[in-house]
């Protein structure tokens, strides 16, 4: 059944009041996922965190997508320990151990099954918000397993580059292009936060982290130390800055002052690291600007508590 743009526009309006959310994260891949996870937990006045899903990733920090998922699962637990939130460990689920083989076959996992179950317990009038900051394998698998959930969820995904960017080889997208094509092709309500050209502006520096977070609590000290070490390993020096991209996906649900967005036809991720565009495609929300200073201030204030 084709979903109307009128309905999508309604579902993609920023929610009012407290909402139910799940987080899909490749937490060990970079340092920004840890900031996003902690920011979501510390925003419990607006976000009711129902579950956390470990997502696969494959790069120099993992031996395979499965190894990346297992390391992310362990890092989620580490962050919860640092925050003394052992109560949330029971809702952490392991996700896919591989990427989609094609655009029709899901990868079943505890995370995908949990997402289907939680989504089906929601309604179009009170949807489940899926904040996804990794390869979209777990979410696409759930949509393939139970297509009816598309009317009961809203997916906020940090993935792909800006639509004007000359290439689309962005980590969360190129790992599993098939999953991205499922996401953008199935008419589920999607909020896209593109990386290069938009979210790449959300950067922090060593001196800034030292000033705002160092010595505040165990979590903050961990974030400062790991962020600094990663920046230096990646060729940084005393003047480095580093994007902490994933925070912006959580922020979309918190305050409209943090980000500007617009409605655009859903892009079509191609297998050659490019987008294709069809002006008749169904609509998605597209974030095109981040108020870096306003959002960073809110992040630091919450993390330091």
Protein backbone atom coordinates (compact mmCIF):
# COMPACT_ATOMS: atom_id res chain seq x y z
CA UNK A 1 0.00 0.00 0.00
CA UNK A 2 1.35 3.41 -0.98
CA UNK A 3 1.59 5.84 1.89
CA UNK A 4 0.51 9.41 1.17
CA UNK A 5 2.80 12.40 1.52
CA UNK A 6 0.11 14.08 3.61
CA UNK A 7 0.42 11.29 6.19
CA UNK A 8 4.23 11.35 6.07
CA UNK A 9 4.30 15.11 6.68
CA UNK A 10 2.16 14.61 9.77
CA UNK A 11 4.37 11.80 11.10
CA UNK A 12 7.54 13.79 10.45
CA UNK A 13 6.49 16.79 12.52
CA UNK A 14 8.69 17.13 15.59
CA UNK A 15 6.89 15.43 18.47
CA UNK A 16 5.47 17.33 21.39
CA UNK A 17 5.95 16.03 24.89
CA UNK A 18 7.80 12.90 25.98
CA UNK A 19 8.28 10.14 23.40
CA UNK A 20 9.37 6.49 23.38
CA UNK A 21 12.74 5.87 21.71
CA UNK A 22 15.23 3.14 20.93
CA UNK A 23 18.87 3.69 19.98
CA UNK A 24 20.71 1.70 17.29
CA UNK A 25 24.45 2.26 17.67
CA UNK A 26 27.88 0.96 16.60
CA UNK A 27 29.26 2.26 19.88
CA UNK A 28 32.85 0.99 19.56
CA UNK A 29 33.39 2.38 16.07
CA UNK A 30 34.15 5.97 17.09
CA UNK A 31 33.83 8.08 20.21
CA UNK A 32 30.72 10.02 19.14
CA UNK A 33 28.29 7.15 19.83
CA UNK A 34 29.22 7.27 23.51
CA UNK A 35 28.31 10.96 23.64
CA UNK A 36 25.00 10.25 21.90
CA UNK A 37 24.10 7.36 24.19
CA UNK A 38 24.87 9.38 27.31
CA UNK A 39 23.03 12.43 25.94
CA UNK A 40 19.94 10.33 25.28
CA UNK A 41 20.00 8.83 28.77
CA UNK A 42 20.47 12.28 30.34
CA UNK A 43 17.53 13.68 28.32
CA UNK A 44 14.97 11.52 30.12
CA UNK A 45 12.68 14.50 30.63
CA UNK A 46 11.78 14.18 26.93
CA UNK A 47 12.96 10.71 25.91
CA UNK A 48 11.78 7.40 27.32
CA UNK A 49 14.59 5.03 26.34
CA UNK A 50 13.06 1.59 25.74
CA UNK A 51 16.00 -0.32 24.24
CA UNK A 52 19.57 -0.04 22.95
CA UNK A 53 20.71 -2.09 19.95
CA UNK A 54 24.31 -2.95 19.09
CA UNK A 55 24.92 -2.49 15.36
CA UNK A 56 27.59 -4.09 13.15
CA UNK A 57 30.58 -2.23 11.77
CA UNK A 58 33.76 -3.23 9.97
CA UNK A 59 36.93 -1.15 9.86
CA UNK A 60 40.37 -1.05 11.48
CA UNK A 61 38.76 -1.40 14.92
CA UNK A 62 36.98 -4.68 14.15
CA UNK A 63 37.80 -8.00 12.49
CA UNK A 64 34.34 -8.35 10.88
CA UNK A 65 30.82 -6.86 11.10
CA UNK A 66 30.03 -9.47 13.77
CA UNK A 67 33.12 -8.52 15.78
CA UNK A 68 32.18 -4.85 15.48
CA UNK A 69 28.69 -5.59 16.79
CA UNK A 70 30.07 -7.58 19.75
CA UNK A 71 32.56 -4.82 20.60
CA UNK A 72 29.76 -2.26 20.38
CA UNK A 73 27.63 -4.35 22.74
CA UNK A 74 30.51 -4.42 25.24
CA UNK A 75 31.07 -0.66 24.89
CA UNK A 76 27.37 0.05 25.55
CA UNK A 77 27.75 -1.89 28.79
CA UNK A 78 30.89 0.09 29.62
CA UNK A 79 29.11 3.41 29.18
CA UNK A 80 26.23 2.21 31.35
CA UNK A 81 28.72 1.23 34.05
CA UNK A 82 30.37 4.65 33.89
CA UNK A 83 26.94 6.26 34.24
CA UNK A 84 25.92 3.82 37.00
CA UNK A 85 22.89 2.83 34.95
CA UNK A 86 23.00 -0.94 35.36
CA UNK A 87 19.20 -0.86 35.27
CA UNK A 88 19.36 -0.33 31.50
CA UNK A 89 21.51 -3.38 30.78
CA UNK A 90 18.48 -5.65 30.47
CA UNK A 91 17.23 -3.72 27.40
CA UNK A 92 20.53 -3.87 25.49
CA UNK A 93 20.21 -6.26 22.55
CA UNK A 94 22.76 -7.70 20.13
CA UNK A 95 22.14 -6.86 16.49
CA UNK A 96 23.10 -8.19 13.08
CA UNK A 97 26.33 -10.15 12.64
CA UNK A 98 26.47 -9.34 8.92
CA UNK A 99 25.07 -6.90 6.37
CA UNK A 100 22.10 -7.55 4.10
CA UNK A 101 22.85 -9.88 1.19
CA UNK A 102 20.11 -8.23 -0.88
CA UNK A 103 17.17 -5.84 -0.49
CA UNK A 104 14.62 -8.55 0.34
CA UNK A 105 16.25 -10.81 2.93
CA UNK A 106 16.55 -9.62 6.55
CA UNK A 107 19.31 -10.54 8.97
CA UNK A 108 17.44 -11.77 12.02
CA UNK A 109 18.84 -10.83 15.41
CA UNK A 110 17.71 -10.11 18.95
CA UNK A 111 17.73 -6.41 18.10
CA UNK A 112 15.62 -6.75 14.96
CA UNK A 113 13.11 -9.01 16.71
CA UNK A 114 12.92 -6.64 19.69
CA UNK A 115 12.34 -3.68 17.37
CA UNK A 116 9.48 -5.48 15.62
CA UNK A 117 7.87 -6.36 18.94
CA UNK A 118 8.20 -2.87 20.40
CA UNK A 119 7.06 -1.18 17.21
CA UNK A 120 3.95 -3.33 16.96
CA UNK A 121 3.04 -2.25 20.50
CA UNK A 122 2.92 1.36 19.28
CA UNK A 123 0.47 3.12 17.02
CA UNK A 124 0.66 5.67 14.19
CA UNK A 125 -0.70 8.25 16.66
CA UNK A 126 2.02 7.38 19.21
CA UNK A 127 4.94 6.01 17.21
CA UNK A 128 8.23 4.60 18.43
CA UNK A 129 11.17 6.82 17.47
CA UNK A 130 14.17 4.85 16.23
CA UNK A 131 17.36 6.89 16.55
CA UNK A 132 19.90 5.14 14.32
CA UNK A 133 23.56 6.18 14.29
CA UNK A 134 25.16 3.24 12.49
CA UNK A 135 24.76 1.09 9.42
CA UNK A 136 20.99 0.71 9.15
CA UNK A 137 21.07 -3.12 8.98
CA UNK A 138 19.12 -3.80 12.17
CA UNK A 139 16.34 -1.38 11.29
CA UNK A 140 16.07 -2.46 7.65
CA UNK A 141 15.93 -6.09 8.79
CA UNK A 142 13.04 -5.31 11.13
CA UNK A 143 11.21 -3.52 8.30
CA UNK A 144 11.69 -6.55 6.04
CA UNK A 145 10.60 -8.96 8.79
CA UNK A 146 7.41 -7.02 9.53
CA UNK A 147 6.59 -4.30 6.95
CA UNK A 148 3.62 -3.10 9.04
CA UNK A 149 5.96 -1.40 11.50
CA UNK A 150 6.62 1.36 8.97
CA UNK A 151 3.37 2.97 10.10
CA UNK A 152 4.30 2.71 13.79
CA UNK A 153 7.86 4.08 13.82
CA UNK A 154 9.77 7.19 12.79
CA UNK A 155 13.43 6.60 11.92
CA UNK A 156 15.94 9.36 12.68
CA UNK A 157 19.07 8.25 10.82
CA UNK A 158 22.50 9.80 10.71
CA UNK A 159 23.71 8.48 7.39
CA UNK A 160 24.78 9.49 3.89
CA UNK A 161 26.33 12.75 2.81
CA UNK A 162 24.58 16.03 2.03
CA UNK A 163 22.56 15.76 -1.17
CA UNK A 164 24.85 18.30 -2.86
CA UNK A 165 28.05 16.48 -1.83
CA UNK A 166 30.03 15.13 -4.81
CA UNK A 167 30.09 11.55 -3.50
CA UNK A 168 28.11 9.49 -1.05
CA UNK A 169 30.74 7.20 0.45
CA UNK A 170 29.69 7.79 4.04
CA UNK A 171 30.53 5.07 6.57
CA UNK A 172 27.05 4.33 7.91
CA UNK A 173 25.67 4.13 4.37
CA UNK A 174 28.36 2.43 2.30
CA UNK A 175 28.72 -0.48 4.72
CA UNK A 176 25.20 -1.64 3.83
CA UNK A 177 23.82 0.11 0.77
CA UNK A 178 21.08 -2.52 0.44
CA UNK A 179 19.79 -1.64 3.92
CA UNK A 180 19.85 2.08 3.09
CA UNK A 181 17.85 1.40 -0.06
CA UNK A 182 15.29 -0.52 1.99
CA UNK A 183 15.03 2.39 4.43
CA UNK A 184 14.56 5.08 1.79
CA UNK A 185 12.43 2.89 -0.46
CA UNK A 186 9.80 1.46 1.89
CA UNK A 187 8.06 4.77 2.73
CA UNK A 188 8.73 4.58 6.45
CA UNK A 189 8.92 8.13 7.90
CA UNK A 190 12.61 9.09 7.87
CA UNK A 191 14.55 12.05 9.21
CA UNK A 192 17.97 12.11 7.54
CA UNK A 193 20.97 13.83 9.12
CA UNK A 194 23.68 13.91 6.42
CA UNK A 195 27.29 13.77 7.51
CA UNK A 196 29.66 15.72 5.23
CA UNK A 197 28.20 19.10 4.41
CA UNK A 198 25.80 19.27 7.37
CA UNK A 199 26.60 17.38 10.57
CA UNK A 200 30.34 17.72 9.89
CA UNK A 201 29.98 21.20 11.40
CA UNK A 202 29.26 19.71 14.83
CA UNK A 203 32.85 19.61 16.08
CA UNK A 204 34.61 19.95 19.41
CA UNK A 205 38.23 20.44 20.47
CA UNK A 206 40.62 19.29 23.17
CA UNK A 207 40.67 22.58 25.11
CA UNK A 208 36.88 22.80 24.95
CA UNK A 209 36.46 19.29 26.34
CA UNK A 210 39.02 19.93 29.07
CA UNK A 211 37.20 23.11 30.13
CA UNK A 212 33.64 21.79 30.11
CA UNK A 213 33.94 18.11 31.00
CA UNK A 214 37.26 17.21 32.63
CA UNK A 215 36.85 16.27 36.28
CA UNK A 216 33.03 16.45 36.28
CA UNK A 217 32.37 12.70 36.63
CA UNK A 218 33.68 9.28 35.52
CA UNK A 219 31.84 9.40 32.22
CA UNK A 220 33.14 12.87 31.34
CA UNK A 221 36.75 11.93 32.15
CA UNK A 222 36.41 8.84 29.95
CA UNK A 223 34.99 10.85 27.05
CA UNK A 224 37.75 13.47 27.26
CA UNK A 225 40.52 10.87 27.43
CA UNK A 226 39.23 8.62 24.64
CA UNK A 227 38.34 11.51 22.33
CA UNK A 228 41.81 13.02 22.76
CA UNK A 229 43.56 9.70 22.18
CA UNK A 230 41.55 9.00 19.02
CA UNK A 231 42.19 12.49 17.67
CA UNK A 232 45.94 12.13 18.17
CA UNK A 233 46.02 8.65 16.63
CA UNK A 234 44.23 10.03 13.59
CA UNK A 235 47.01 12.57 13.03
CA UNK A 236 45.80 15.42 15.20
CA UNK A 237 47.94 17.81 17.23
CA UNK A 238 47.28 20.41 19.90
CA UNK A 239 44.98 22.32 17.49
CA UNK A 240 42.74 19.37 16.54
CA UNK A 241 38.97 19.40 16.31
CA UNK A 242 36.78 16.35 15.93
CA UNK A 243 33.16 15.88 14.84
CA UNK A 244 30.90 14.11 17.33
CA UNK A 245 28.28 13.53 14.68
CA UNK A 246 25.91 11.14 16.39
CA UNK A 247 24.73 13.59 19.06
CA UNK A 248 22.78 15.46 16.38
CA UNK A 249 20.41 12.53 15.76
CA UNK A 250 19.34 12.56 19.40
CA UNK A 251 19.08 16.36 19.36
CA UNK A 252 16.47 16.37 16.58
CA UNK A 253 13.95 15.03 19.10
CA UNK A 254 14.81 17.50 21.83
CA UNK A 255 14.53 21.09 20.62
CA UNK A 256 13.70 22.57 17.23
CA UNK A 257 16.19 25.37 17.96
CA UNK A 258 19.11 22.96 17.55
CA UNK A 259 18.56 22.12 13.88
CA UNK A 260 16.81 23.32 10.73
CA UNK A 261 15.15 20.83 8.39
CA UNK A 262 12.94 20.68 5.34
CA UNK A 263 10.87 18.18 3.37
CA UNK A 264 12.49 16.66 0.27
CA UNK A 265 11.82 13.64 -1.95
CA UNK A 266 13.57 10.54 -0.61
CA UNK A 267 16.98 10.08 -2.22
CA UNK A 268 17.98 6.76 -3.78
CA UNK A 269 21.38 5.47 -2.58
CA UNK A 270 23.11 3.74 -5.47
CA UNK A 271 25.80 1.06 -5.33
CA UNK A 272 28.37 3.36 -6.97
CA UNK A 273 28.62 5.75 -3.99
CA UNK A 274 26.23 8.26 -5.52
CA UNK A 275 22.63 9.33 -4.98
CA UNK A 276 19.96 9.14 -7.63
CA UNK A 277 17.02 11.54 -7.31
CA UNK A 278 13.38 11.18 -8.34
CA UNK A 279 11.26 14.31 -7.71
CA UNK A 280 8.12 12.15 -7.50
CA UNK A 281 9.46 10.08 -4.60
CA UNK A 282 7.73 10.15 -1.21
CA UNK A 283 8.89 12.83 1.24
CA UNK A 284 11.41 12.63 4.05
CA UNK A 285 12.71 15.21 6.52
CA UNK A 286 16.21 16.45 5.66
CA UNK A 287 18.32 18.31 8.22
CA UNK A 288 20.41 21.01 6.54
CA UNK A 289 21.77 23.11 9.43
CA UNK A 290 23.05 22.48 12.97
CA UNK A 291 23.25 25.29 15.53
CA UNK A 292 26.58 24.02 16.79
CA UNK A 293 27.04 26.30 19.80
CA UNK A 294 23.50 25.98 21.15
CA UNK A 295 23.54 22.18 20.90
CA UNK A 296 27.06 21.82 22.28
CA UNK A 297 26.12 23.90 25.32
CA UNK A 298 23.15 21.65 26.06
CA UNK A 299 25.27 18.52 25.58
CA UNK A 300 28.02 19.69 27.94
CA UNK A 301 25.55 20.82 30.58
CA UNK A 302 23.80 17.44 30.65
CA UNK A 303 26.95 15.31 30.55
CA UNK A 304 28.57 17.28 33.37
CA UNK A 305 25.67 16.77 35.79
